N, C-alpha and C. Protein backbone atom coordinates (compact mmCIF):
# COMPACT_ATOMS: atom_id res chain seq x y z
N MET A 1 177.44 83.62 63.86
CA MET A 1 177.81 82.30 64.31
C MET A 1 177.24 81.26 63.36
N LYS A 2 177.98 80.20 63.17
CA LYS A 2 177.54 79.10 62.32
C LYS A 2 177.64 77.81 63.11
N ALA A 3 176.79 76.87 62.75
CA ALA A 3 176.77 75.60 63.46
C ALA A 3 176.31 74.49 62.53
N ILE A 4 176.67 73.26 62.89
CA ILE A 4 176.17 72.08 62.21
C ILE A 4 175.32 71.33 63.22
N ILE A 5 174.04 71.12 62.87
CA ILE A 5 173.12 70.44 63.78
C ILE A 5 172.65 69.15 63.15
N GLU A 6 172.13 68.27 63.99
CA GLU A 6 171.59 67.00 63.52
C GLU A 6 170.15 66.87 64.00
N THR A 7 169.26 66.58 63.08
CA THR A 7 167.87 66.32 63.41
C THR A 7 167.26 65.45 62.31
N GLY A 8 166.47 64.49 62.71
CA GLY A 8 165.82 63.60 61.75
C GLY A 8 166.80 62.74 60.99
N GLY A 9 167.97 62.46 61.55
CA GLY A 9 168.96 61.62 60.89
C GLY A 9 169.76 62.34 59.81
N LYS A 10 169.60 63.65 59.72
CA LYS A 10 170.32 64.43 58.72
C LYS A 10 171.07 65.57 59.42
N GLN A 11 172.08 66.10 58.75
CA GLN A 11 172.87 67.18 59.30
C GLN A 11 172.65 68.45 58.46
N TYR A 12 172.58 69.60 59.15
CA TYR A 12 172.32 70.88 58.50
C TYR A 12 173.35 71.91 58.96
N TYR A 13 173.89 72.67 58.02
CA TYR A 13 174.82 73.76 58.30
C TYR A 13 174.01 75.04 58.35
N VAL A 14 173.92 75.66 59.53
CA VAL A 14 173.02 76.79 59.72
C VAL A 14 173.74 77.99 60.31
N SER A 15 173.15 79.15 60.12
CA SER A 15 173.58 80.37 60.78
C SER A 15 172.31 81.10 61.21
N GLU A 16 172.46 82.14 62.03
CA GLU A 16 171.29 82.84 62.55
C GLU A 16 170.50 83.49 61.42
N GLY A 17 169.19 83.32 61.44
CA GLY A 17 168.32 83.88 60.42
C GLY A 17 168.01 82.94 59.27
N ASP A 18 168.66 81.78 59.22
CA ASP A 18 168.42 80.83 58.14
C ASP A 18 167.06 80.16 58.28
N LYS A 19 166.50 79.76 57.14
CA LYS A 19 165.26 79.00 57.10
C LYS A 19 165.62 77.60 56.60
N ILE A 20 165.30 76.57 57.39
CA ILE A 20 165.64 75.20 57.00
C ILE A 20 164.38 74.33 57.03
N TYR A 21 164.36 73.34 56.17
CA TYR A 21 163.27 72.37 56.09
C TYR A 21 163.79 71.05 56.62
N VAL A 22 163.20 70.56 57.72
CA VAL A 22 163.66 69.34 58.37
C VAL A 22 162.52 68.33 58.39
N GLU A 23 162.83 67.11 58.82
CA GLU A 23 161.80 66.09 58.98
C GLU A 23 160.77 66.58 59.99
N LEU A 24 159.55 66.09 59.90
CA LEU A 24 158.44 66.56 60.71
C LEU A 24 158.75 66.47 62.21
N LEU A 25 158.57 67.60 62.90
CA LEU A 25 158.76 67.67 64.35
C LEU A 25 157.41 67.83 65.02
N ASP A 26 157.29 67.32 66.24
CA ASP A 26 156.04 67.42 66.99
C ASP A 26 156.06 68.72 67.80
N ALA A 27 155.77 69.82 67.14
CA ALA A 27 155.76 71.14 67.78
C ALA A 27 154.72 72.01 67.07
N GLU A 28 154.13 72.92 67.82
CA GLU A 28 153.10 73.79 67.26
C GLU A 28 153.74 74.95 66.49
N VAL A 29 153.01 75.49 65.53
CA VAL A 29 153.48 76.62 64.74
C VAL A 29 153.59 77.84 65.64
N GLY A 30 154.72 78.54 65.54
CA GLY A 30 154.94 79.72 66.34
C GLY A 30 155.71 79.47 67.63
N LYS A 31 155.85 78.22 68.02
CA LYS A 31 156.57 77.87 69.25
C LYS A 31 158.07 77.76 68.97
N ASP A 32 158.87 77.87 70.02
CA ASP A 32 160.32 77.71 69.90
C ASP A 32 160.71 76.26 70.15
N VAL A 33 161.70 75.80 69.40
CA VAL A 33 162.24 74.45 69.52
C VAL A 33 163.73 74.58 69.78
N THR A 34 164.25 73.85 70.77
CA THR A 34 165.68 73.87 71.06
C THR A 34 166.29 72.57 70.56
N LEU A 35 167.26 72.68 69.65
CA LEU A 35 167.97 71.52 69.12
C LEU A 35 169.32 71.45 69.82
N ASP A 36 169.55 70.35 70.54
CA ASP A 36 170.79 70.25 71.32
C ASP A 36 171.82 69.29 70.74
N LYS A 37 171.51 68.68 69.61
CA LYS A 37 172.49 67.82 68.95
C LYS A 37 173.32 68.68 68.00
N VAL A 38 174.30 69.39 68.56
CA VAL A 38 175.16 70.30 67.80
C VAL A 38 176.51 69.62 67.61
N LEU A 39 176.91 69.45 66.35
CA LEU A 39 178.16 68.77 66.02
C LEU A 39 179.34 69.74 65.94
N PHE A 40 179.06 70.99 65.57
CA PHE A 40 180.10 71.98 65.35
C PHE A 40 179.54 73.37 65.63
N VAL A 41 180.29 74.18 66.36
CA VAL A 41 179.87 75.56 66.59
C VAL A 41 181.11 76.41 66.83
N ASN A 42 181.27 77.46 66.03
CA ASN A 42 182.38 78.42 66.17
C ASN A 42 183.75 77.77 66.32
N GLY A 43 184.08 76.82 65.49
CA GLY A 43 185.40 76.21 65.54
C GLY A 43 185.54 75.07 66.53
N LYS A 44 184.53 74.84 67.37
CA LYS A 44 184.55 73.73 68.32
C LYS A 44 183.83 72.55 67.72
N THR A 45 184.49 71.41 67.70
CA THR A 45 183.85 70.19 67.24
C THR A 45 183.62 69.28 68.43
N GLY A 46 182.54 68.54 68.38
CA GLY A 46 182.20 67.65 69.47
C GLY A 46 182.57 66.22 69.18
N MET A 47 182.50 65.42 70.22
CA MET A 47 182.79 63.99 70.10
C MET A 47 181.64 63.19 70.69
N PRO A 48 180.52 62.97 70.10
CA PRO A 48 180.07 63.47 68.80
C PRO A 48 179.40 64.84 68.87
N TYR A 49 178.91 65.27 70.06
CA TYR A 49 178.21 66.54 70.16
C TYR A 49 178.97 67.51 71.06
N VAL A 50 178.80 68.80 70.82
CA VAL A 50 179.42 69.85 71.64
C VAL A 50 178.58 70.00 72.91
N GLU A 51 179.22 69.89 74.07
CA GLU A 51 178.50 70.00 75.33
C GLU A 51 178.09 71.44 75.59
N GLY A 52 176.87 71.63 76.04
CA GLY A 52 176.37 72.95 76.38
C GLY A 52 175.94 73.79 75.19
N ALA A 53 176.09 73.30 73.98
CA ALA A 53 175.71 74.05 72.79
C ALA A 53 174.27 73.70 72.40
N SER A 54 173.55 74.68 71.89
CA SER A 54 172.20 74.44 71.43
C SER A 54 171.83 75.48 70.37
N VAL A 55 170.81 75.17 69.61
CA VAL A 55 170.31 76.07 68.58
C VAL A 55 168.81 76.25 68.84
N VAL A 56 168.39 77.51 68.96
CA VAL A 56 166.98 77.83 69.21
C VAL A 56 166.33 78.22 67.88
N CYS A 57 165.24 77.53 67.54
CA CYS A 57 164.54 77.77 66.28
C CYS A 57 163.06 78.02 66.56
N THR A 58 162.42 78.72 65.62
CA THR A 58 160.98 78.94 65.68
C THR A 58 160.32 78.14 64.57
N VAL A 59 159.24 77.45 64.90
CA VAL A 59 158.51 76.67 63.90
C VAL A 59 157.68 77.63 63.06
N GLU A 60 157.96 77.67 61.76
CA GLU A 60 157.23 78.58 60.87
C GLU A 60 155.99 77.92 60.29
N LYS A 61 156.14 76.67 59.81
CA LYS A 61 154.99 75.97 59.24
C LYS A 61 155.29 74.48 59.12
N HIS A 62 154.22 73.71 58.91
CA HIS A 62 154.31 72.29 58.59
C HIS A 62 153.74 72.11 57.20
N GLY A 63 154.18 71.08 56.51
CA GLY A 63 153.65 70.85 55.18
C GLY A 63 154.11 69.53 54.62
N LYS A 64 153.84 69.33 53.32
CA LYS A 64 154.26 68.13 52.61
C LYS A 64 155.01 68.54 51.35
N ASN A 65 156.04 67.77 51.01
CA ASN A 65 156.82 68.02 49.80
C ASN A 65 156.03 67.62 48.57
N LYS A 66 156.61 67.85 47.39
CA LYS A 66 155.98 67.45 46.15
C LYS A 66 155.84 65.92 46.10
N LYS A 67 154.84 65.48 45.38
CA LYS A 67 154.59 64.05 45.27
C LYS A 67 155.65 63.40 44.37
N ILE A 68 156.14 62.26 44.83
CA ILE A 68 157.03 61.46 44.00
C ILE A 68 156.30 60.17 43.63
N LYS A 69 156.62 59.63 42.46
CA LYS A 69 156.00 58.38 42.03
C LYS A 69 156.95 57.24 42.32
N VAL A 70 156.39 56.19 42.90
CA VAL A 70 157.15 54.98 43.19
C VAL A 70 156.57 53.91 42.27
N PHE A 71 157.38 53.41 41.34
CA PHE A 71 156.91 52.44 40.35
C PHE A 71 157.73 51.17 40.48
N LYS A 72 157.03 50.06 40.71
CA LYS A 72 157.68 48.76 40.83
C LYS A 72 157.15 47.86 39.73
N TYR A 73 158.03 47.04 39.18
CA TYR A 73 157.56 46.07 38.21
C TYR A 73 158.52 44.90 38.14
N ARG A 74 157.99 43.77 37.71
CA ARG A 74 158.79 42.57 37.50
C ARG A 74 158.74 42.25 36.00
N PRO A 75 159.87 42.25 35.37
CA PRO A 75 159.85 41.98 33.93
C PRO A 75 159.32 40.58 33.61
N LYS A 76 158.52 40.51 32.58
CA LYS A 76 157.96 39.26 32.05
C LYS A 76 156.98 38.57 32.99
N LYS A 77 156.52 39.24 34.04
CA LYS A 77 155.61 38.62 35.01
C LYS A 77 154.26 39.34 35.09
N LYS A 78 154.05 40.39 34.31
CA LYS A 78 152.82 41.18 34.31
C LYS A 78 152.52 41.75 35.69
N TYR A 79 153.55 42.18 36.40
CA TYR A 79 153.38 42.81 37.72
C TYR A 79 153.83 44.25 37.62
N ARG A 80 152.90 45.17 37.88
CA ARG A 80 153.21 46.59 37.89
C ARG A 80 152.45 47.23 39.05
N LYS A 81 153.12 48.11 39.76
CA LYS A 81 152.51 48.77 40.90
C LYS A 81 153.00 50.20 40.95
N THR A 82 152.08 51.17 41.00
CA THR A 82 152.42 52.58 41.08
C THR A 82 151.87 53.14 42.38
N GLN A 83 152.75 53.83 43.11
CA GLN A 83 152.34 54.49 44.35
C GLN A 83 152.82 55.92 44.32
N GLY A 84 152.19 56.76 45.11
CA GLY A 84 152.65 58.13 45.28
C GLY A 84 153.03 58.34 46.74
N HIS A 85 153.96 59.26 46.99
CA HIS A 85 154.39 59.54 48.36
C HIS A 85 154.70 61.03 48.50
N ARG A 86 154.23 61.63 49.61
CA ARG A 86 154.54 63.02 49.93
C ARG A 86 155.13 63.04 51.33
N GLN A 87 156.40 63.42 51.44
CA GLN A 87 157.10 63.42 52.72
C GLN A 87 156.73 64.67 53.52
N PRO A 88 156.29 64.51 54.78
CA PRO A 88 155.98 65.69 55.60
C PRO A 88 157.25 66.39 56.08
N TYR A 89 157.17 67.70 56.27
CA TYR A 89 158.33 68.47 56.72
C TYR A 89 157.89 69.55 57.71
N THR A 90 158.88 70.12 58.40
CA THR A 90 158.69 71.27 59.27
C THR A 90 159.67 72.34 58.84
N CYS A 91 159.19 73.56 58.68
CA CYS A 91 160.04 74.68 58.32
C CYS A 91 160.45 75.41 59.60
N LEU A 92 161.76 75.54 59.83
CA LEU A 92 162.30 76.20 61.01
C LEU A 92 163.07 77.45 60.63
N VAL A 93 162.98 78.48 61.47
CA VAL A 93 163.79 79.68 61.31
C VAL A 93 164.74 79.74 62.51
N VAL A 94 166.05 79.78 62.23
CA VAL A 94 167.05 79.77 63.29
C VAL A 94 167.10 81.15 63.95
N LYS A 95 166.84 81.20 65.26
CA LYS A 95 166.85 82.46 65.99
C LYS A 95 168.19 82.73 66.65
N LYS A 96 168.72 81.74 67.35
CA LYS A 96 169.92 81.97 68.13
C LYS A 96 170.75 80.70 68.23
N ILE A 97 172.07 80.87 68.17
CA ILE A 97 173.00 79.76 68.34
C ILE A 97 173.76 79.99 69.63
N ASN A 98 173.62 79.07 70.57
CA ASN A 98 174.30 79.14 71.86
C ASN A 98 175.47 78.17 71.86
N GLY A 99 176.62 78.62 72.27
CA GLY A 99 177.73 77.67 72.33
C GLY A 99 178.98 78.39 72.56
């Protein structure tokens, strides 16, 4: 089974056994998370979500992505600012797609 889910303002195309990296979720490692914002499952599309459909995932780990540099400057004004940013993520393993 395949499904399109929405979490963290982004959409993911998943199937059972897939490993996906999503925006940080408030869940403990090893616990199950049920995602109920399912846009598409087995040929059924929702308006906007499919009723009664859900995706059960297991939280594998939490972490931070690679550091990106944010550089701002104003030409001819001697203004320069460098910042670093590491976006937190949650790694999920899709166990079961209900729908």
